[in-house]
């Protein structure tokens, strides 16, 4: 699975998403290190929260949307 997480520092939801997806070795992009706010809103114009997650080139959304996506797409109950 190809996973990207657009994250920022001091973000509990970002940290939770990274933990949930760590076994997929996600590419983590950090605000003000790897991208700017302008870049973020150009890529995710409707985003209102951090993190923003992309799985297999599909924009999933934030942490809440990730949990819903995992519930419907991952059969591994130990996940």
PDB file of N, CA and C in Angstrom:
ATOM      1  N   UNK A   1       0.850  -1.170   0.000  1.00  0.00           N
ATOM      2  CA  UNK A   1       0.000   0.000   0.000  1.00  0.00           C
ATOM      3  C   UNK A   1       0.899   1.238   0.000  1.00  0.00           C
ATOM      4  N   UNK A   2       0.579   2.187  -0.857  1.00  0.00           N
ATOM      5  CA  UNK A   2       1.324   3.436  -0.953  1.00  0.00           C
ATOM      6  C   UNK A   2       0.603   4.494  -0.112  1.00  0.00           C
ATOM      7  N   UNK A   3       1.253   4.986   0.950  1.00  0.00           N
ATOM      8  CA  UNK A   3       0.611   5.902   1.891  1.00  0.00           C
ATOM      9  C   UNK A   3       1.431   7.178   2.027  1.00  0.00           C
ATOM     10  N   UNK A   4       0.733   8.307   1.978  1.00  0.00           N
ATOM     11  CA  UNK A   4       1.352   9.607   2.222  1.00  0.00           C
ATOM     12  C   UNK A   4       0.536  10.312   3.300  1.00  0.00           C
ATOM     13  N   UNK A   5       1.242  10.942   4.228  1.00  0.00           N
ATOM     14  CA  UNK A   5       0.589  11.702   5.294  1.00  0.00           C
ATOM     15  C   UNK A   5       1.139  13.117   5.270  1.00  0.00           C
ATOM     16  N   UNK A   6       0.257  14.072   5.114  1.00  0.00           N
ATOM     17  CA  UNK A   6       0.622  15.488   5.192  1.00  0.00           C
ATOM     18  C   UNK A   6       0.336  15.920   6.619  1.00  0.00           C
ATOM     19  N   UNK A   7       1.392  16.200   7.345  1.00  0.00           N
ATOM     20  CA  UNK A   7       1.337  16.362   8.785  1.00  0.00           C
ATOM     21  C   UNK A   7       1.901  17.718   9.209  1.00  0.00           C
ATOM     22  N   UNK A   8       1.770  18.002  10.495  1.00  0.00           N
ATOM     23  CA  UNK A   8       2.417  19.172  11.096  1.00  0.00           C
ATOM     24  C   UNK A   8       2.844  18.797  12.509  1.00  0.00           C
ATOM     25  N   UNK A   9       3.686  19.615  13.103  1.00  0.00           N
ATOM     26  CA  UNK A   9       4.163  19.336  14.460  1.00  0.00           C
ATOM     27  C   UNK A   9       3.050  19.609  15.468  1.00  0.00           C
ATOM     28  N   UNK A  10       3.169  18.982  16.630  1.00  0.00           N
ATOM     29  CA  UNK A  10       2.228  19.159  17.734  1.00  0.00           C
ATOM     30  C   UNK A  10       0.789  18.888  17.329  1.00  0.00           C
ATOM     31  N   UNK A  11       0.584  17.792  16.613  1.00  0.00           N
ATOM     32  CA  UNK A  11      -0.746  17.427  16.113  1.00  0.00           C
ATOM     33  C   UNK A  11      -1.058  16.001  16.563  1.00  0.00           C
ATOM     34  N   UNK A  12      -1.928  15.867  17.532  1.00  0.00           N
ATOM     35  CA  UNK A  12      -2.280  14.552  18.056  1.00  0.00           C
ATOM     36  C   UNK A  12      -2.905  13.643  17.014  1.00  0.00           C
ATOM     37  N   UNK A  13      -3.773  14.194  16.178  1.00  0.00           N
ATOM     38  CA  UNK A  13      -4.398  13.381  15.130  1.00  0.00           C
ATOM     39  C   UNK A  13      -3.372  12.931  14.103  1.00  0.00           C
ATOM     40  N   UNK A  14      -2.387  13.778  13.822  1.00  0.00           N
ATOM     41  CA  UNK A  14      -1.304  13.394  12.913  1.00  0.00           C
ATOM     42  C   UNK A  14      -0.531  12.216  13.497  1.00  0.00           C
ATOM     43  N   UNK A  15      -0.221  12.316  14.785  1.00  0.00           N
ATOM     44  CA  UNK A  15       0.524  11.243  15.458  1.00  0.00           C
ATOM     45  C   UNK A  15      -0.258   9.934  15.441  1.00  0.00           C
ATOM     46  N   UNK A  16      -1.571  10.007  15.680  1.00  0.00           N
ATOM     47  CA  UNK A  16      -2.401   8.795  15.666  1.00  0.00           C
ATOM     48  C   UNK A  16      -2.426   8.162  14.280  1.00  0.00           C
ATOM     49  N   UNK A  17      -2.546   8.997  13.256  1.00  0.00           N
ATOM     50  CA  UNK A  17      -2.566   8.476  11.878  1.00  0.00           C
ATOM     51  C   UNK A  17      -1.234   7.803  11.549  1.00  0.00           C
ATOM     52  N   UNK A  18      -0.132   8.407  11.969  1.00  0.00           N
ATOM     53  CA  UNK A  18       1.182   7.816  11.704  1.00  0.00           C
ATOM     54  C   UNK A  18       1.316   6.451  12.378  1.00  0.00           C
ATOM     55  N   UNK A  19       0.808   6.346  13.600  1.00  0.00           N
ATOM     56  CA  UNK A  19       0.861   5.070  14.325  1.00  0.00           C
ATOM     57  C   UNK A  19      -0.002   4.031  13.625  1.00  0.00           C
ATOM     58  N   UNK A  20      -1.228   4.406  13.232  1.00  0.00           N
ATOM     59  CA  UNK A  20      -2.147   3.470  12.580  1.00  0.00           C
ATOM     60  C   UNK A  20      -1.589   2.945  11.260  1.00  0.00           C
ATOM     61  N   UNK A  21      -0.814   3.792  10.570  1.00  0.00           N
ATOM     62  CA  UNK A  21      -0.328   3.436   9.243  1.00  0.00           C
ATOM     63  C   UNK A  21       1.148   3.050   9.197  1.00  0.00           C
ATOM     64  N   UNK A  22       1.800   2.953  10.352  1.00  0.00           N
ATOM     65  CA  UNK A  22       3.251   2.742  10.383  1.00  0.00           C
ATOM     66  C   UNK A  22       3.688   1.457   9.693  1.00  0.00           C
ATOM     67  N   UNK A  23       2.878   0.414   9.729  1.00  0.00           N
ATOM     68  CA  UNK A  23       3.310  -0.838   9.105  1.00  0.00           C
ATOM     69  C   UNK A  23       3.344  -0.748   7.582  1.00  0.00           C
ATOM     70  N   UNK A  24       2.795   0.323   7.014  1.00  0.00           N
ATOM     71  CA  UNK A  24       2.842   0.531   5.565  1.00  0.00           C
ATOM     72  C   UNK A  24       3.954   1.485   5.151  1.00  0.00           C
ATOM     73  N   UNK A  25       4.803   1.839   6.127  1.00  0.00           N
ATOM     74  CA  UNK A  25       5.949   2.709   5.864  1.00  0.00           C
ATOM     75  C   UNK A  25       5.534   3.978   5.097  1.00  0.00           C
ATOM     76  N   UNK A  26       4.680   4.789   5.713  1.00  0.00           N
ATOM     77  CA  UNK A  26       4.154   5.960   4.997  1.00  0.00           C
ATOM     78  C   UNK A  26       5.221   7.008   4.708  1.00  0.00           C
ATOM     79  N   UNK A  27       5.039   7.710   3.622  1.00  0.00           N
ATOM     80  CA  UNK A  27       5.867   8.887   3.314  1.00  0.00           C
ATOM     81  C   UNK A  27       5.223  10.032   4.072  1.00  0.00           C
ATOM     82  N   UNK A  28       5.979  10.639   4.969  1.00  0.00           N
ATOM     83  CA  UNK A  28       5.443  11.706   5.804  1.00  0.00           C
ATOM     84  C   UNK A  28       5.989  13.037   5.322  1.00  0.00           C
ATOM     85  N   UNK A  29       5.070  13.943   5.028  1.00  0.00           N
ATOM     86  CA  UNK A  29       5.414  15.296   4.594  1.00  0.00           C
ATOM     87  C   UNK A  29       5.087  16.233   5.756  1.00  0.00           C
ATOM     88  N   UNK A  30       6.072  17.020   6.180  1.00  0.00           N
ATOM     89  CA  UNK A  30       5.891  17.915   7.320  1.00  0.00           C
ATOM     90  C   UNK A  30       5.731  19.371   6.870  1.00  0.00           C
ATOM     91  N   UNK A  31       4.723  20.027   7.435  1.00  0.00           N
ATOM     92  CA  UNK A  31       4.472  21.443   7.167  1.00  0.00           C
ATOM     93  C   UNK A  31       5.697  22.267   7.531  1.00  0.00           C
ATOM     94  N   UNK A  32       6.027  23.219   6.692  1.00  0.00           N
ATOM     95  CA  UNK A  32       7.154  24.141   6.849  1.00  0.00           C
ATOM     96  C   UNK A  32       8.525  23.480   6.703  1.00  0.00           C
ATOM     97  N   UNK A  33       8.541  22.175   6.451  1.00  0.00           N
ATOM     98  CA  UNK A  33       9.786  21.481   6.116  1.00  0.00           C
ATOM     99  C   UNK A  33       9.725  20.966   4.692  1.00  0.00           C
ATOM    100  N   UNK A  34       8.615  20.279   4.365  1.00  0.00           N
ATOM    101  CA  UNK A  34       8.447  19.668   3.049  1.00  0.00           C
ATOM    102  C   UNK A  34       7.463  20.428   2.163  1.00  0.00           C
ATOM    103  N   UNK A  35       6.620  21.232   2.770  1.00  0.00           N
ATOM    104  CA  UNK A  35       5.632  22.001   2.022  1.00  0.00           C
ATOM    105  C   UNK A  35       5.203  23.217   2.835  1.00  0.00           C
ATOM    106  N   UNK A  36       4.625  24.205   2.161  1.00  0.00           N
ATOM    107  CA  UNK A  36       4.131  25.419   2.822  1.00  0.00           C
ATOM    108  C   UNK A  36       2.611  25.331   2.961  1.00  0.00           C
ATOM    109  N   UNK A  37       2.035  26.247   3.712  1.00  0.00           N
ATOM    110  CA  UNK A  37       0.573  26.304   3.819  1.00  0.00           C
ATOM    111  C   UNK A  37      -0.056  26.533   2.448  1.00  0.00           C
ATOM    112  N   UNK A  38       0.593  27.364   1.648  1.00  0.00           N
ATOM    113  CA  UNK A  38       0.097  27.623   0.295  1.00  0.00           C
ATOM    114  C   UNK A  38       0.074  26.331  -0.525  1.00  0.00           C
ATOM    115  N   UNK A  39       1.154  25.543  -0.449  1.00  0.00           N
ATOM    116  CA  UNK A  39       1.213  24.245  -1.132  1.00  0.00           C
ATOM    117  C   UNK A  39       0.100  23.315  -0.640  1.00  0.00           C
ATOM    118  N   UNK A  40      -0.102  23.305   0.684  1.00  0.00           N
ATOM    119  CA  UNK A  40      -1.110  22.442   1.304  1.00  0.00           C
ATOM    120  C   UNK A  40      -2.493  22.739   0.739  1.00  0.00           C
ATOM    121  N   UNK A  41      -2.865  24.027   0.734  1.00  0.00           N
ATOM    122  CA  UNK A  41      -4.205  24.387   0.275  1.00  0.00           C
ATOM    123  C   UNK A  41      -4.348  24.299  -1.241  1.00  0.00           C
ATOM    124  N   UNK A  42      -3.248  24.347  -1.966  1.00  0.00           N
ATOM    125  CA  UNK A  42      -3.303  24.100  -3.408  1.00  0.00           C
ATOM    126  C   UNK A  42      -3.604  22.622  -3.670  1.00  0.00           C
ATOM    127  N   UNK A  43      -3.007  21.744  -2.860  1.00  0.00           N
ATOM    128  CA  UNK A  43      -3.200  20.293  -3.027  1.00  0.00           C
ATOM    129  C   UNK A  43      -4.538  19.833  -2.449  1.00  0.00           C
ATOM    130  N   UNK A  44      -4.930  20.422  -1.316  1.00  0.00           N
ATOM    131  CA  UNK A  44      -6.156  20.035  -0.608  1.00  0.00           C
ATOM    132  C   UNK A  44      -7.032  21.271  -0.387  1.00  0.00           C
ATOM    133  N   UNK A  45      -7.663  21.801  -1.421  1.00  0.00           N
ATOM    134  CA  UNK A  45      -8.386  23.069  -1.292  1.00  0.00           C
ATOM    135  C   UNK A  45      -9.560  23.039  -0.310  1.00  0.00           C
ATOM    136  N   UNK A  46     -10.127  21.876  -0.057  1.00  0.00           N
ATOM    137  CA  UNK A  46     -11.269  21.784   0.858  1.00  0.00           C
ATOM    138  C   UNK A  46     -10.893  21.296   2.256  1.00  0.00           C
ATOM    139  N   UNK A  47      -9.608  21.089   2.506  1.00  0.00           N
ATOM    140  CA  UNK A  47      -9.165  20.567   3.802  1.00  0.00           C
ATOM    141  C   UNK A  47      -9.331  21.617   4.891  1.00  0.00           C
ATOM    142  N   UNK A  48      -9.789  21.149   6.045  1.00  0.00           N
ATOM    143  CA  UNK A  48      -9.927  22.030   7.198  1.00  0.00           C
ATOM    144  C   UNK A  48      -9.135  21.515   8.397  1.00  0.00           C
ATOM    145  N   UNK A  49      -8.548  20.319   8.247  1.00  0.00           N
ATOM    146  CA  UNK A  49      -7.847  19.711   9.373  1.00  0.00           C
ATOM    147  C   UNK A  49      -6.547  19.058   8.921  1.00  0.00           C
ATOM    148  N   UNK A  50      -5.704  18.772   9.895  1.00  0.00           N
ATOM    149  CA  UNK A  50      -4.505  17.958   9.721  1.00  0.00           C
ATOM    150  C   UNK A  50      -4.742  16.668  10.468  1.00  0.00           C
ATOM    151  N   UNK A  51      -4.174  15.570  10.011  1.00  0.00           N
ATOM    152  CA  UNK A  51      -3.406  15.394   8.788  1.00  0.00           C
ATOM    153  C   UNK A  51      -4.332  15.261   7.587  1.00  0.00           C
ATOM    154  N   UNK A  52      -3.740  15.233   6.406  1.00  0.00           N
ATOM    155  CA  UNK A  52      -4.444  14.826   5.198  1.00  0.00           C
ATOM    156  C   UNK A  52      -3.706  13.596   4.688  1.00  0.00           C
ATOM    157  N   UNK A  53      -4.461  12.580   4.339  1.00  0.00           N
ATOM    158  CA  UNK A  53      -3.889  11.267   4.038  1.00  0.00           C
ATOM    159  C   UNK A  53      -4.272  10.839   2.627  1.00  0.00           C
ATOM    160  N   UNK A  54      -3.280  10.311   1.933  1.00  0.00           N
ATOM    161  CA  UNK A  54      -3.484   9.753   0.595  1.00  0.00           C
ATOM    162  C   UNK A  54      -3.046   8.290   0.647  1.00  0.00           C
ATOM    163  N   UNK A  55      -3.931   7.400   0.179  1.00  0.00           N
ATOM    164  CA  UNK A  55      -3.614   5.971   0.116  1.00  0.00           C
ATOM    165  C   UNK A  55      -3.834   5.513  -1.320  1.00  0.00           C
ATOM    166  N   UNK A  56      -2.781   4.949  -1.900  1.00  0.00           N
ATOM    167  CA  UNK A  56      -2.840   4.458  -3.288  1.00  0.00           C
ATOM    168  C   UNK A  56      -3.412   5.518  -4.229  1.00  0.00           C
ATOM    169  N   UNK A  57      -2.890   6.731  -4.096  1.00  0.00           N
ATOM    170  CA  UNK A  57      -3.276   7.873  -4.940  1.00  0.00           C
ATOM    171  C   UNK A  57      -4.715   8.336  -4.745  1.00  0.00           C
ATOM    172  N   UNK A  58      -5.377   7.884  -3.686  1.00  0.00           N
ATOM    173  CA  UNK A  58      -6.741   8.320  -3.366  1.00  0.00           C
ATOM    174  C   UNK A  58      -6.692   9.197  -2.117  1.00  0.00           C
ATOM    175  N   UNK A  59      -7.222  10.413  -2.215  1.00  0.00           N
ATOM    176  CA  UNK A  59      -7.270  11.301  -1.055  1.00  0.00           C
ATOM    177  C   UNK A  59      -8.337  10.781  -0.103  1.00  0.00           C
ATOM    178  N   UNK A  60      -7.900  10.344   1.082  1.00  0.00           N
ATOM    179  CA  UNK A  60      -8.802   9.782   2.082  1.00  0.00           C
ATOM    180  C   UNK A  60      -9.418  10.886   2.923  1.00  0.00           C
ATOM    181  N   UNK A  61      -8.607  11.855   3.330  1.00  0.00           N
ATOM    182  CA  UNK A  61      -9.059  12.926   4.207  1.00  0.00           C
ATOM    183  C   UNK A  61      -8.219  12.952   5.460  1.00  0.00           C
ATOM    184  N   UNK A  62      -8.843  13.342   6.563  1.00  0.00           N
ATOM    185  CA  UNK A  62      -8.156  13.441   7.840  1.00  0.00           C
ATOM    186  C   UNK A  62      -8.223  12.154   8.650  1.00  0.00           C
ATOM    187  N   UNK A  63      -7.929  12.269   9.933  1.00  0.00           N
ATOM    188  CA  UNK A  63      -7.883  11.102  10.823  1.00  0.00           C
ATOM    189  C   UNK A  63      -9.238  10.411  10.907  1.00  0.00           C
ATOM    190  N   UNK A  64     -10.305  11.160  11.062  1.00  0.00           N
ATOM    191  CA  UNK A  64     -11.642  10.578  11.168  1.00  0.00           C
ATOM    192  C   UNK A  64     -11.983   9.775   9.907  1.00  0.00           C
ATOM    193  N   UNK A  65     -11.705  10.358   8.751  1.00  0.00           N
ATOM    194  CA  UNK A  65     -11.964   9.672   7.489  1.00  0.00           C
ATOM    195  C   UNK A  65     -11.074   8.440   7.327  1.00  0.00           C
ATOM    196  N   UNK A  66      -9.843   8.525   7.845  1.00  0.00           N
ATOM    197  CA  UNK A  66      -8.940   7.370   7.814  1.00  0.00           C
ATOM    198  C   UNK A  66      -9.534   6.209   8.587  1.00  0.00           C
ATOM    199  N   UNK A  67     -10.051   6.463   9.772  1.00  0.00           N
ATOM    200  CA  UNK A  67     -10.626   5.391  10.583  1.00  0.00           C
ATOM    201  C   UNK A  67     -11.800   4.733   9.852  1.00  0.00           C
ATOM    202  N   UNK A  68     -12.644   5.532   9.221  1.00  0.00           N
ATOM    203  CA  UNK A  68     -13.757   4.974   8.449  1.00  0.00           C
ATOM    204  C   UNK A  68     -13.230   4.168   7.261  1.00  0.00           C
ATOM    205  N   UNK A  69     -12.225   4.689   6.563  1.00  0.00           N
ATOM    206  CA  UNK A  69     -11.652   3.994   5.412  1.00  0.00           C
ATOM    207  C   UNK A  69     -11.074   2.651   5.839  1.00  0.00           C
ATOM    208  N   UNK A  70     -10.338   2.645   6.930  1.00  0.00           N
ATOM    209  CA  UNK A  70      -9.740   1.398   7.421  1.00  0.00           C
ATOM    210  C   UNK A  70     -10.816   0.381   7.797  1.00  0.00           C
ATOM    211  N   UNK A  71     -11.891   0.832   8.413  1.00  0.00           N
ATOM    212  CA  UNK A  71     -12.962  -0.073   8.826  1.00  0.00           C
ATOM    213  C   UNK A  71     -13.590  -0.779   7.622  1.00  0.00           C
ATOM    214  N   UNK A  72     -13.655  -0.125   6.491  1.00  0.00           N
ATOM    215  CA  UNK A  72     -14.293  -0.702   5.311  1.00  0.00           C
ATOM    216  C   UNK A  72     -13.323  -1.374   4.345  1.00  0.00           C
ATOM    217  N   UNK A  73     -12.025  -1.056   4.451  1.00  0.00           N
ATOM    218  CA  UNK A  73     -11.078  -1.539   3.458  1.00  0.00           C
ATOM    219  C   UNK A  73     -10.016  -2.494   3.960  1.00  0.00           C
ATOM    220  N   UNK A  74      -9.854  -2.610   5.251  1.00  0.00           N
ATOM    221  CA  UNK A  74      -8.814  -3.481   5.807  1.00  0.00           C
ATOM    222  C   UNK A  74      -9.497  -4.585   6.611  1.00  0.00           C
ATOM    223  N   UNK A  75      -9.264  -5.824   6.214  1.00  0.00           N
ATOM    224  CA  UNK A  75      -9.918  -6.947   6.897  1.00  0.00           C
ATOM    225  C   UNK A  75      -9.116  -7.443   8.104  1.00  0.00           C
ATOM    226  N   UNK A  76      -7.882  -6.973   8.245  1.00  0.00           N
ATOM    227  CA  UNK A  76      -7.021  -7.394   9.351  1.00  0.00           C
ATOM    228  C   UNK A  76      -7.523  -6.757  10.649  1.00  0.00           C
ATOM    229  N   UNK A  77      -8.168  -7.514  11.493  1.00  0.00           N
ATOM    230  CA  UNK A  77      -8.738  -6.983  12.733  1.00  0.00           C
ATOM    231  C   UNK A  77      -7.662  -6.586  13.746  1.00  0.00           C
ATOM    232  N   UNK A  78      -6.422  -7.012  13.534  1.00  0.00           N
ATOM    233  CA  UNK A  78      -5.332  -6.594  14.416  1.00  0.00           C
ATOM    234  C   UNK A  78      -4.761  -5.253  14.013  1.00  0.00           C
ATOM    235  N   UNK A  79      -5.313  -4.664  12.990  1.00  0.00           N
ATOM    236  CA  UNK A  79      -4.815  -3.395  12.490  1.00  0.00           C
ATOM    237  C   UNK A  79      -5.204  -2.345  13.443  1.00  0.00           C
TER     238      UNK A  79
END
